[in-house]
C-alpha atoms as a PDB file:
ATOM      1  CA  MET A   1      76.326 312.857 110.590  1.00  0.00           C
ATOM      2  CA  GLY A   2      77.859 316.190 110.187  1.00  0.00           C
ATOM      3  CA  ILE A   3      76.243 317.686 113.885  1.00  0.00           C
ATOM      4  CA  ALA A   4      77.258 313.946 115.660  1.00  0.00           C
ATOM      5  CA  LEU A   5      80.977 314.395 114.090  1.00  0.00           C
ATOM      6  CA  ALA A   6      81.222 317.541 114.948  1.00  0.00           C
ATOM      7  CA  THR A   7      80.128 316.942 118.439  1.00  0.00           C
ATOM      8  CA  SER A   8      82.687 313.864 118.935  1.00  0.00           C
ATOM      9  CA  ALA A   9      85.272 316.347 117.231  1.00  0.00           C
ATOM     10  CA  PHE A  10      84.323 318.805 120.199  1.00  0.00           C
ATOM     11  CA  ILE A  11      84.334 316.384 123.608  1.00  0.00           C
ATOM     12  CA  ALA A  12      87.748 314.871 121.996  1.00  0.00           C
ATOM     13  CA  THR A  13      89.193 318.531 121.711  1.00  0.00           C
ATOM     14  CA  ALA A  14      87.412 319.205 125.443  1.00  0.00           C
ATOM     15  CA  SER A  15      88.780 316.069 126.836  1.00  0.00           C
ATOM     16  CA  ALA A  16      92.385 316.475 125.473  1.00  0.00           C
ATOM     17  CA  GLN A  17      92.667 320.198 126.282  1.00  0.00           C
ATOM     18  CA  PRO A  18      93.816 319.739 130.190  1.00  0.00           C
ATOM     19  CA  GLN A  19      96.492 316.922 128.930  1.00  0.00           C
ATOM     20  CA  GLN A  20      97.864 319.648 126.098  1.00  0.00           C
ATOM     21  CA  THR A  21      97.739 322.738 128.598  1.00  0.00           C
ATOM     22  CA  TYR A  22      99.710 320.936 131.480  1.00  0.00           C
ATOM     23  CA  PRO A  23     100.797 321.698 133.835  1.00  0.00           C
ATOM     24  CA  ASN A  24      98.642 324.841 134.377  1.00  0.00           C
ATOM     25  CA  ARG A  25      99.026 324.389 138.176  1.00  0.00           C
ATOM     26  CA  PRO A  26     101.113 323.814 140.800  1.00  0.00           C
ATOM     27  CA  ILE A  27     102.273 320.086 141.270  1.00  0.00           C
ATOM     28  CA  ARG A  28     102.585 318.308 144.666  1.00  0.00           C
ATOM     29  CA  LEU A  29     105.873 316.097 144.941  1.00  0.00           C
ATOM     30  CA  ILE A  30     104.992 314.196 147.958  1.00  0.00           C
ATOM     31  CA  VAL A  31     107.983 312.512 149.384  1.00  0.00           C
ATOM     32  CA  PRO A  32     107.148 309.594 152.466  1.00  0.00           C
ATOM     33  CA  PHE A  33     110.252 310.534 154.527  1.00  0.00           C
ATOM     34  CA  GLY A  34     111.284 313.280 156.327  1.00  0.00           C
ATOM     35  CA  ALA A  35     113.631 316.298 155.737  1.00  0.00           C
ATOM     36  CA  GLY A  36     116.937 315.704 155.382  1.00  0.00           C
ATOM     37  CA  ALA A  37     116.824 311.901 154.217  1.00  0.00           C
ATOM     38  CA  GLY A  38     118.604 311.116 150.937  1.00  0.00           C
ATOM     39  CA  THR A  39     115.552 310.864 149.036  1.00  0.00           C
ATOM     40  CA  ASP A  40     114.203 313.970 150.390  1.00  0.00           C
ATOM     41  CA  ILE A  41     117.461 315.828 149.147  1.00  0.00           C
ATOM     42  CA  GLY A  42     117.561 314.344 145.842  1.00  0.00           C
ATOM     43  CA  ALA A  43     113.944 315.338 145.146  1.00  0.00           C
ATOM     44  CA  ARG A  44     114.160 319.146 146.252  1.00  0.00           C
ATOM     45  CA  ILE A  45     117.377 319.236 143.651  1.00  0.00           C
ATOM     46  CA  VAL A  46     114.868 318.173 140.465  1.00  0.00           C
ATOM     47  CA  SER A  47     112.053 319.691 141.862  1.00  0.00           C
ATOM     48  CA  THR A  48     113.338 322.936 141.479  1.00  0.00           C
ATOM     49  CA  LYS A  49     114.901 322.181 137.953  1.00  0.00           C
ATOM     50  CA  LEU A  50     111.143 321.186 137.320  1.00  0.00           C
ATOM     51  CA  ALA A  51     109.699 323.894 138.433  1.00  0.00           C
ATOM     52  CA  GLU A  52     111.614 326.031 136.139  1.00  0.00           C
ATOM     53  CA  ALA A  53     110.788 324.042 133.114  1.00  0.00           C
ATOM     54  CA  PHE A  54     107.034 324.228 133.529  1.00  0.00           C
ATOM     55  CA  ASP A  55     106.933 327.635 135.101  1.00  0.00           C
ATOM     56  CA  GLN A  56     104.914 326.113 137.641  1.00  0.00           C
ATOM     57  CA  GLN A  57     105.668 325.827 141.565  1.00  0.00           C
ATOM     58  CA  VAL A  58     106.407 322.224 142.623  1.00  0.00           C
ATOM     59  CA  VAL A  59     105.712 321.680 146.332  1.00  0.00           C
ATOM     60  CA  VAL A  60     107.843 318.672 147.979  1.00  0.00           C
ATOM     61  CA  ASP A  61     105.281 317.376 150.887  1.00  0.00           C
ATOM     62  CA  ASN A  62     107.081 315.452 153.557  1.00  0.00           C
ATOM     63  CA  ARG A  63     104.808 312.778 154.721  1.00  0.00           C
ATOM     64  CA  ALA A  64     107.097 310.633 156.663  1.00  0.00           C
ATOM     65  CA  GLY A  65     106.172 307.320 158.577  1.00  0.00           C
ATOM     66  CA  ALA A  66     105.907 303.351 158.434  1.00  0.00           C
ATOM     67  CA  SER A  67     108.753 303.427 155.793  1.00  0.00           C
ATOM     68  CA  GLY A  68     107.246 304.979 153.280  1.00  0.00           C
ATOM     69  CA  ILE A  69     103.469 303.831 153.386  1.00  0.00           C
ATOM     70  CA  ILE A  70     101.926 306.509 154.901  1.00  0.00           C
ATOM     71  CA  GLY A  71     103.329 308.984 151.824  1.00  0.00           C
ATOM     72  CA  ALA A  72     102.478 305.695 149.400  1.00  0.00           C
ATOM     73  CA  GLU A  73      98.875 305.411 150.163  1.00  0.00           C
ATOM     74  CA  LEU A  74      97.972 309.040 149.907  1.00  0.00           C
ATOM     75  CA  ALA A  75      99.877 309.212 146.970  1.00  0.00           C
ATOM     76  CA  ALA A  76      97.867 306.268 145.308  1.00  0.00           C
ATOM     77  CA  LYS A  77      94.416 307.688 146.599  1.00  0.00           C
ATOM     78  CA  ALA A  78      95.174 310.940 144.732  1.00  0.00           C
ATOM     79  CA  SER A  79      93.725 312.025 141.420  1.00  0.00           C
ATOM     80  CA  PRO A  80      95.559 310.627 138.230  1.00  0.00           C
ATOM     81  CA  ASP A  81      95.709 313.871 136.628  1.00  0.00           C
ATOM     82  CA  GLY A  82      99.331 314.470 136.918  1.00  0.00           C
ATOM     83  CA  TYR A  83      99.567 317.263 139.818  1.00  0.00           C
ATOM     84  CA  THR A  84     100.166 314.758 142.756  1.00  0.00           C
ATOM     85  CA  LEU A  85     103.711 312.382 142.412  1.00  0.00           C
ATOM     86  CA  MET A  86     105.495 310.513 144.747  1.00  0.00           C
ATOM     87  CA  THR A  87     109.261 309.441 145.235  1.00  0.00           C
ATOM     88  CA  ALA A  88     109.615 306.267 145.655  1.00  0.00           C
ATOM     89  CA  THR A  89     112.551 304.468 147.444  1.00  0.00           C
ATOM     90  CA  ILE A  90     113.751 301.066 148.017  1.00  0.00           C
ATOM     91  CA  SER A  91     111.576 301.047 150.936  1.00  0.00           C
ATOM     92  CA  HIS A  92     108.687 300.685 148.784  1.00  0.00           C
ATOM     93  CA  SER A  93     109.772 297.527 146.968  1.00  0.00           C
ATOM     94  CA  VAL A  94     110.661 296.002 150.539  1.00  0.00           C
ATOM     95  CA  ASN A  95     107.113 296.901 152.351  1.00  0.00           C
ATOM     96  CA  PRO A  96     105.450 294.434 150.673  1.00  0.00           C
ATOM     97  CA  SER A  97     107.171 291.104 151.906  1.00  0.00           C
ATOM     98  CA  LEU A  98     107.154 293.049 155.546  1.00  0.00           C
ATOM     99  CA  ARG A  99     103.272 293.953 155.552  1.00  0.00           C
ATOM    100  CA  LYS A 100     100.211 291.670 154.782  1.00  0.00           C
ATOM    101  CA  ASN A 101      98.160 294.366 153.956  1.00  0.00           C
ATOM    102  CA  LEU A 102      99.498 297.502 152.195  1.00  0.00           C
ATOM    103  CA  PRO A 103      96.975 300.029 151.809  1.00  0.00           C
ATOM    104  CA  TYR A 104      98.539 300.317 148.001  1.00  0.00           C
ATOM    105  CA  ASP A 105      99.914 297.984 145.244  1.00  0.00           C
ATOM    106  CA  ILE A 106     103.299 299.689 144.232  1.00  0.00           C
ATOM    107  CA  VAL A 107     102.812 297.863 141.347  1.00  0.00           C
ATOM    108  CA  LYS A 108      99.207 298.217 140.420  1.00  0.00           C
ATOM    109  CA  ASP A 109      98.432 301.410 142.033  1.00  0.00           C
ATOM    110  CA  PHE A 110     100.799 303.713 140.330  1.00  0.00           C
ATOM    111  CA  SER A 111     102.204 304.812 136.783  1.00  0.00           C
ATOM    112  CA  PRO A 112     106.242 304.589 136.646  1.00  0.00           C
ATOM    113  CA  ILE A 113     107.591 307.861 135.541  1.00  0.00           C
ATOM    114  CA  SER A 114     111.830 307.051 136.097  1.00  0.00           C
ATOM    115  CA  LEU A 115     114.395 305.747 138.046  1.00  0.00           C
ATOM    116  CA  LEU A 116     115.781 309.172 139.244  1.00  0.00           C
ATOM    117  CA  MET A 117     119.402 308.360 141.101  1.00  0.00           C
ATOM    118  CA  GLU A 118     120.984 305.738 142.782  1.00  0.00           C
ATOM    119  CA  TYR A 119     123.002 306.163 145.867  1.00  0.00           C
ATOM    120  CA  PRO A 120     125.466 303.829 148.351  1.00  0.00           C
ATOM    121  CA  PHE A 121     125.809 304.244 151.907  1.00  0.00           C
ATOM    122  CA  LEU A 122     128.181 304.182 153.888  1.00  0.00           C
ATOM    123  CA  LEU A 123     128.908 301.954 156.612  1.00  0.00           C
ATOM    124  CA  ASP A 124     129.825 304.325 159.812  1.00  0.00           C
ATOM    125  CA  VAL A 125     130.631 303.443 163.461  1.00  0.00           C
ATOM    126  CA  ARG A 126     130.337 305.781 166.711  1.00  0.00           C
ATOM    127  CA  PRO A 127     134.059 307.286 166.804  1.00  0.00           C
ATOM    128  CA  SER A 128     134.548 305.607 170.572  1.00  0.00           C
ATOM    129  CA  LEU A 129     133.521 302.106 169.226  1.00  0.00           C
ATOM    130  CA  PRO A 130     137.138 300.264 169.053  1.00  0.00           C
ATOM    131  CA  VAL A 131     137.340 299.264 165.583  1.00  0.00           C
ATOM    132  CA  LYS A 132     139.133 300.764 162.654  1.00  0.00           C
ATOM    133  CA  SER A 133     138.041 298.868 159.707  1.00  0.00           C
ATOM    134  CA  VAL A 134     135.257 295.946 158.802  1.00  0.00           C
ATOM    135  CA  ALA A 135     137.539 293.060 159.856  1.00  0.00           C
ATOM    136  CA  ASP A 136     137.430 294.672 163.412  1.00  0.00           C
ATOM    137  CA  LEU A 137     134.035 295.414 163.338  1.00  0.00           C
ATOM    138  CA  VAL A 138     133.299 291.674 162.540  1.00  0.00           C
ATOM    139  CA  ALA A 139     135.819 290.502 165.214  1.00  0.00           C
ATOM    140  CA  LEU A 140     134.078 292.662 167.796  1.00  0.00           C
ATOM    141  CA  ALA A 141     130.542 291.510 167.262  1.00  0.00           C
ATOM    142  CA  LYS A 142     131.445 287.609 166.965  1.00  0.00           C
ATOM    143  CA  ALA A 143     133.619 288.168 170.314  1.00  0.00           C
ATOM    144  CA  LYS A 144     130.236 290.242 172.123  1.00  0.00           C
ATOM    145  CA  PRO A 145     127.342 288.422 169.994  1.00  0.00           C
ATOM    146  CA  GLY A 146     124.331 290.334 170.081  1.00  0.00           C
ATOM    147  CA  GLN A 147     126.049 293.449 172.388  1.00  0.00           C
ATOM    148  CA  ILE A 148     126.832 295.116 169.198  1.00  0.00           C
ATOM    149  CA  ASN A 149     123.987 297.529 167.883  1.00  0.00           C
ATOM    150  CA  TYR A 150     122.837 299.132 164.593  1.00  0.00           C
ATOM    151  CA  ALA A 151     120.622 301.800 163.924  1.00  0.00           C
ATOM    152  CA  SER A 152     117.647 302.016 160.884  1.00  0.00           C
ATOM    153  CA  ASN A 153     114.977 304.377 160.061  1.00  0.00           C
ATOM    154  CA  GLY A 154     112.527 301.302 160.814  1.00  0.00           C
ATOM    155  CA  VAL A 155     112.480 297.587 159.564  1.00  0.00           C
ATOM    156  CA  GLY A 156     112.287 297.569 155.613  1.00  0.00           C
ATOM    157  CA  GLY A 157     114.675 300.815 155.024  1.00  0.00           C
ATOM    158  CA  GLY A 158     117.579 301.137 153.407  1.00  0.00           C
ATOM    159  CA  ALA A 159     120.019 300.637 156.835  1.00  0.00           C
ATOM    160  CA  TYR A 160     118.198 298.095 157.827  1.00  0.00           C
ATOM    161  CA  LEU A 161     118.279 296.035 154.553  1.00  0.00           C
ATOM    162  CA  CYS A 162     121.973 296.775 154.534  1.00  0.00           C
ATOM    163  CA  ALA A 163     122.916 295.744 158.144  1.00  0.00           C
ATOM    164  CA  GLU A 164     120.966 292.355 157.698  1.00  0.00           C
ATOM    165  CA  LEU A 165     122.941 291.478 154.361  1.00  0.00           C
ATOM    166  CA  PHE A 166     125.867 292.218 155.920  1.00  0.00           C
ATOM    167  CA  LYS A 167     124.966 289.924 159.368  1.00  0.00           C
ATOM    168  CA  SER A 168     123.848 287.179 156.573  1.00  0.00           C
ATOM    169  CA  LEU A 169     127.233 287.333 154.926  1.00  0.00           C
ATOM    170  CA  THR A 170     129.598 287.262 157.660  1.00  0.00           C
ATOM    171  CA  GLY A 171     127.553 285.235 160.476  1.00  0.00           C
ATOM    172  CA  ILE A 172     127.911 288.032 162.781  1.00  0.00           C
ATOM    173  CA  ASN A 173     124.720 289.031 165.267  1.00  0.00           C
ATOM    174  CA  LEU A 174     123.894 292.858 165.467  1.00  0.00           C
ATOM    175  CA  GLU A 175     120.693 293.980 167.420  1.00  0.00           C
ATOM    176  CA  HIS A 176     118.181 296.142 165.466  1.00  0.00           C
ATOM    177  CA  VAL A 177     117.345 299.598 166.820  1.00  0.00           C
ATOM    178  CA  PRO A 178     114.915 301.197 164.415  1.00  0.00           C
ATOM    179  CA  PHE A 179     114.241 304.800 164.932  1.00  0.00           C
ATOM    180  CA  LYS A 180     111.447 306.858 163.328  1.00  0.00           C
ATOM    181  CA  SER A 181     114.135 309.053 160.871  1.00  0.00           C
ATOM    182  CA  THR A 182     117.438 308.567 159.595  1.00  0.00           C
ATOM    183  CA  ALA A 183     117.984 311.872 161.292  1.00  0.00           C
ATOM    184  CA  ALA A 184     117.495 310.811 164.617  1.00  0.00           C
ATOM    185  CA  ALA A 185     119.327 307.421 163.781  1.00  0.00           C
ATOM    186  CA  ILE A 186     122.105 309.633 162.861  1.00  0.00           C
ATOM    187  CA  THR A 187     121.967 311.450 165.862  1.00  0.00           C
ATOM    188  CA  SER A 188     122.149 308.588 168.445  1.00  0.00           C
ATOM    189  CA  THR A 189     124.795 306.890 166.731  1.00  0.00           C
ATOM    190  CA  ILE A 190     127.443 310.434 166.958  1.00  0.00           C
ATOM    191  CA  GLY A 191     125.669 310.607 170.980  1.00  0.00           C
ATOM    192  CA  GLY A 192     127.513 307.068 171.546  1.00  0.00           C
ATOM    193  CA  GLU A 193     123.822 305.124 172.260  1.00  0.00           C
ATOM    194  CA  ILE A 194     124.286 303.740 168.959  1.00  0.00           C
ATOM    195  CA  ASP A 195     127.614 301.493 167.575  1.00  0.00           C
ATOM    196  CA  VAL A 196     126.567 301.090 163.738  1.00  0.00           C
ATOM    197  CA  GLY A 197     124.454 302.381 160.810  1.00  0.00           C
ATOM    198  CA  PHE A 198     124.501 302.437 157.345  1.00  0.00           C
ATOM    199  CA  TYR A 199     123.813 306.025 156.255  1.00  0.00           C
ATOM    200  CA  SER A 200     123.751 307.752 152.723  1.00  0.00           C
ATOM    201  CA  ALA A 201     126.919 310.203 152.464  1.00  0.00           C
ATOM    202  CA  SER A 202     124.018 312.778 151.774  1.00  0.00           C
ATOM    203  CA  ALA A 203     122.986 312.705 155.542  1.00  0.00           C
ATOM    204  CA  THR A 204     126.553 311.706 157.403  1.00  0.00           C
ATOM    205  CA  LEU A 205     128.924 313.510 154.609  1.00  0.00           C
ATOM    206  CA  SER A 206     129.040 316.372 157.233  1.00  0.00           C
ATOM    207  CA  HIS A 207     129.873 313.828 160.106  1.00  0.00           C
ATOM    208  CA  VAL A 208     132.284 312.077 158.844  1.00  0.00           C
ATOM    209  CA  LYS A 209     134.423 314.658 157.904  1.00  0.00           C
ATOM    210  CA  ALA A 210     134.094 316.020 161.505  1.00  0.00           C
ATOM    211  CA  GLY A 211     135.329 313.012 162.883  1.00  0.00           C
ATOM    212  CA  ARG A 212     131.990 312.690 164.365  1.00  0.00           C
ATOM    213  CA  LEU A 213     131.145 309.618 163.001  1.00  0.00           C
ATOM    214  CA  ARG A 214     134.367 307.181 161.541  1.00  0.00           C
ATOM    215  CA  ALA A 215     132.966 305.688 158.308  1.00  0.00           C
ATOM    216  CA  LEU A 216     134.648 301.903 157.057  1.00  0.00           C
ATOM    217  CA  ALA A 217     133.104 301.407 154.252  1.00  0.00           C
ATOM    218  CA  MET A 218     130.724 301.721 151.161  1.00  0.00           C
ATOM    219  CA  THR A 219     127.920 299.216 150.245  1.00  0.00           C
ATOM    220  CA  GLY A 220     127.899 300.183 146.472  1.00  0.00           C
ATOM    221  CA  ARG A 221     129.552 298.033 143.411  1.00  0.00           C
ATOM    222  CA  LYS A 222     132.353 300.503 143.325  1.00  0.00           C
ATOM    223  CA  ARG A 223     134.079 302.939 145.547  1.00  0.00           C
ATOM    224  CA  SER A 224     133.314 306.187 146.083  1.00  0.00           C
ATOM    225  CA  ALA A 225     134.330 309.609 144.130  1.00  0.00           C
ATOM    226  CA  SER A 226     134.037 311.237 147.595  1.00  0.00           C
ATOM    227  CA  PHE A 227     135.874 308.615 149.555  1.00  0.00           C
ATOM    228  CA  PRO A 228     138.281 307.004 146.760  1.00  0.00           C
ATOM    229  CA  ASP A 229     139.951 305.575 149.949  1.00  0.00           C
ATOM    230  CA  LEU A 230     137.545 303.848 151.322  1.00  0.00           C
ATOM    231  CA  PRO A 231     136.699 299.988 150.236  1.00  0.00           C
ATOM    232  CA  THR A 232     133.617 298.307 149.649  1.00  0.00           C
ATOM    233  CA  VAL A 233     131.821 296.097 151.876  1.00  0.00           C
ATOM    234  CA  ALA A 234     132.342 293.410 148.699  1.00  0.00           C
ATOM    235  CA  GLU A 235     136.117 293.483 148.768  1.00  0.00           C
ATOM    236  CA  ILE A 236     136.506 293.534 152.095  1.00  0.00           C
ATOM    237  CA  ILE A 237     134.565 290.601 153.417  1.00  0.00           C
ATOM    238  CA  GLY A 238     135.048 288.880 149.907  1.00  0.00           C
ATOM    239  CA  VAL A 239     131.679 288.901 148.527  1.00  0.00           C
ATOM    240  CA  PRO A 240     131.016 290.191 145.717  1.00  0.00           C
ATOM    241  CA  SER A 241     127.056 289.486 145.674  1.00  0.00           C
ATOM    242  CA  TYR A 242     127.522 292.480 148.872  1.00  0.00           C
ATOM    243  CA  GLU A 243     125.718 295.415 146.870  1.00  0.00           C
ATOM    244  CA  VAL A 244     123.088 297.700 148.027  1.00  0.00           C
ATOM    245  CA  TYR A 245     122.224 301.054 146.983  1.00  0.00           C
ATOM    246  CA  GLY A 246     119.440 303.099 147.943  1.00  0.00           C
ATOM    247  CA  TRP A 247     117.565 304.877 145.034  1.00  0.00           C
ATOM    248  CA  THR A 248     115.132 307.507 144.467  1.00  0.00           C
ATOM    249  CA  GLY A 249     112.302 307.453 141.399  1.00  0.00           C
ATOM    250  CA  VAL A 250     109.380 308.987 140.516  1.00  0.00           C
ATOM    251  CA  LEU A 251     105.713 307.491 140.534  1.00  0.00           C
ATOM    252  CA  ALA A 252     102.214 309.005 139.559  1.00  0.00           C
ATOM    253  CA  PRO A 253      98.921 307.464 140.627  1.00  0.00           C
ATOM    254  CA  VAL A 254      97.864 304.657 137.704  1.00  0.00           C
ATOM    255  CA  GLY A 255      95.681 306.380 135.100  1.00  0.00           C
ATOM    256  CA  THR A 256      97.638 309.280 134.793  1.00  0.00           C
ATOM    257  CA  PRO A 257      97.304 309.646 130.893  1.00  0.00           C
ATOM    258  CA  LYS A 258     100.019 308.266 128.840  1.00  0.00           C
ATOM    259  CA  SER A 259     101.118 311.991 127.458  1.00  0.00           C
ATOM    260  CA  ILE A 260     101.107 313.338 131.091  1.00  0.00           C
ATOM    261  CA  VAL A 261     103.466 310.561 131.975  1.00  0.00           C
ATOM    262  CA  ALA A 262     105.665 310.963 128.980  1.00  0.00           C
ATOM    263  CA  LYS A 263     106.192 314.793 129.204  1.00  0.00           C
ATOM    264  CA  LEU A 264     107.356 314.223 132.683  1.00  0.00           C
ATOM    265  CA  HIS A 265     109.542 311.509 132.167  1.00  0.00           C
ATOM    266  CA  GLY A 266     110.950 313.990 129.175  1.00  0.00           C
ATOM    267  CA  GLU A 267     111.830 316.788 132.034  1.00  0.00           C
ATOM    268  CA  PHE A 268     112.900 314.564 134.632  1.00  0.00           C
ATOM    269  CA  ALA A 269     115.273 312.500 132.478  1.00  0.00           C
ATOM    270  CA  ARG A 270     116.646 315.715 131.237  1.00  0.00           C
ATOM    271  CA  ILE A 271     117.367 317.183 134.526  1.00  0.00           C
ATOM    272  CA  VAL A 272     119.254 314.401 136.109  1.00  0.00           C
ATOM    273  CA  GLN A 273     121.590 314.970 133.130  1.00  0.00           C
ATOM    274  CA  LEU A 274     122.073 318.597 133.619  1.00  0.00           C
ATOM    275  CA  PRO A 275     125.884 319.308 134.467  1.00  0.00           C
ATOM    276  CA  ASP A 276     124.920 321.597 137.503  1.00  0.00           C
ATOM    277  CA  VAL A 277     122.347 318.709 138.835  1.00  0.00           C
ATOM    278  CA  LYS A 278     125.179 316.339 137.809  1.00  0.00           C
ATOM    279  CA  GLU A 279     127.209 317.894 140.115  1.00  0.00           C
ATOM    280  CA  ARG A 280     125.118 318.607 142.700  1.00  0.00           C
ATOM    281  CA  LEU A 281     124.367 314.692 143.006  1.00  0.00           C
ATOM    282  CA  ALA A 282     127.856 313.705 142.829  1.00  0.00           C
ATOM    283  CA  VAL A 283     129.004 315.672 145.947  1.00  0.00           C
ATOM    284  CA  VAL A 284     126.501 313.540 147.950  1.00  0.00           C
ATOM    285  CA  ASP A 285     127.506 310.611 146.077  1.00  0.00           C
ATOM    286  CA  PHE A 286     124.485 310.251 143.834  1.00  0.00           C
ATOM    287  CA  GLU A 287     124.634 308.582 140.470  1.00  0.00           C
ATOM    288  CA  PRO A 288     121.615 310.068 138.041  1.00  0.00           C
ATOM    289  CA  VAL A 289     119.894 307.472 135.849  1.00  0.00           C
ATOM    290  CA  GLY A 290     116.889 308.856 134.109  1.00  0.00           C
ATOM    291  CA  ASN A 291     115.323 305.548 132.603  1.00  0.00           C
ATOM    292  CA  THR A 292     111.851 304.964 130.889  1.00  0.00           C
ATOM    293  CA  PRO A 293     108.797 304.315 132.610  1.00  0.00           C
ATOM    294  CA  ALA A 294     109.006 300.711 131.364  1.00  0.00           C
ATOM    295  CA  GLU A 295     112.675 300.252 132.841  1.00  0.00           C
ATOM    296  CA  PHE A 296     111.782 301.797 136.157  1.00  0.00           C
ATOM    297  CA  ALA A 297     108.649 299.225 135.939  1.00  0.00           C
ATOM    298  CA  ALA A 298     111.268 296.485 135.172  1.00  0.00           C
ATOM    299  CA  PHE A 299     113.348 298.070 138.202  1.00  0.00           C
ATOM    300  CA  ILE A 300     110.583 297.791 140.656  1.00  0.00           C
ATOM    301  CA  ARG A 301     109.363 294.239 140.394  1.00  0.00           C
ATOM    302  CA  LYS A 302     113.011 292.709 140.196  1.00  0.00           C
ATOM    303  CA  GLU A 303     114.146 294.896 143.481  1.00  0.00           C
ATOM    304  CA  THR A 304     111.075 293.683 145.006  1.00  0.00           C
ATOM    305  CA  LEU A 305     111.915 289.939 144.501  1.00  0.00           C
ATOM    306  CA  ARG A 306     115.235 290.884 145.311  1.00  0.00           C
ATOM    307  CA  TRP A 307     114.549 291.507 148.998  1.00  0.00           C
ATOM    308  CA  ALA A 308     111.797 288.988 149.096  1.00  0.00           C
ATOM    309  CA  LYS A 309     114.220 286.567 150.786  1.00  0.00           C
ATOM    310  CA  LEU A 310     116.198 288.330 152.671  1.00  0.00           C
ATOM    311  CA  VAL A 311     113.226 289.699 154.425  1.00  0.00           C
ATOM    312  CA  LYS A 312     112.346 286.078 154.843  1.00  0.00           C
ATOM    313  CA  ASP A 313     115.176 284.962 156.235  1.00  0.00           C
ATOM    314  CA  ALA A 314     115.785 287.877 158.551  1.00  0.00           C
ATOM    315  CA  GLY A 315     112.467 287.315 160.142  1.00  0.00           C
ATOM    316  CA  GLY A 316     111.261 290.658 159.145  1.00  0.00           C
ATOM    317  CA  LYS A 317     107.933 290.592 158.941  1.00  0.00           C
ATOM    318  CA  VAL A 318     106.142 293.683 160.747  1.00  0.00           C
ATOM    319  CA  ASP A 319     102.487 291.847 160.461  1.00  0.00           C
END
């Protein structure tokens, strides 16, 4: 009996040891979008602080493509040991409505850690477009149905959702032009090939201030601290329900030990509330959140249901 108890205690201690010493090697944070996108900027801000807290390297691994699917599939199949994490975005709550055969299930294949931050989008237009306000844009689009286009980083992304909801509530027709990345979409808008785009402030702030893009409104529930004189889309079109936020959260592969999930949540929630981090986030209109794993799980389910109807109405099926 004594030997059996001793053996059981040894096995329990041995299995717990990796969790007790976590992390003892570098952590990979998969960002399923290209460098420079809003989620990439937020991920790099918090990953630096996480590396300091754990005294381990946190490697940001950009795996762009297919509206976040490539990176998500890679993360879902990774070992559930806490050494591979992924930043999830609004795209991951929309993809289930767009694709029948996703190579992962955003709910079943991941363990939520925390929603880190939210951010509104700017409704931007090329400076040469003859509009100075949202009302002007709606009037022009109605006068030229199908002749005004908008860019996105793919069907299901934040820019796509902002534009499709805008079209639905204003009754206008904008032609969708998808790009492989937000950077490419912005470049084409600046170059005059694209008329309209909904982009994060982090990606376009410098362009707006330099006059290379004209911002007409924000997509959030309130006006931005960075652009206090810029109205929200909701107040301009008189529809309170118009509200779109991009968001960045962190997931781990399902099966990751609860103790590791708890440790990661504690650090991420602490990091986004650090004064210097909040200051850096505020510059690009990111609002820190840092909610619990259970709250983040509920948030993902709510977002998935919210956008399913819009995707259906917009006929946004990819397959």
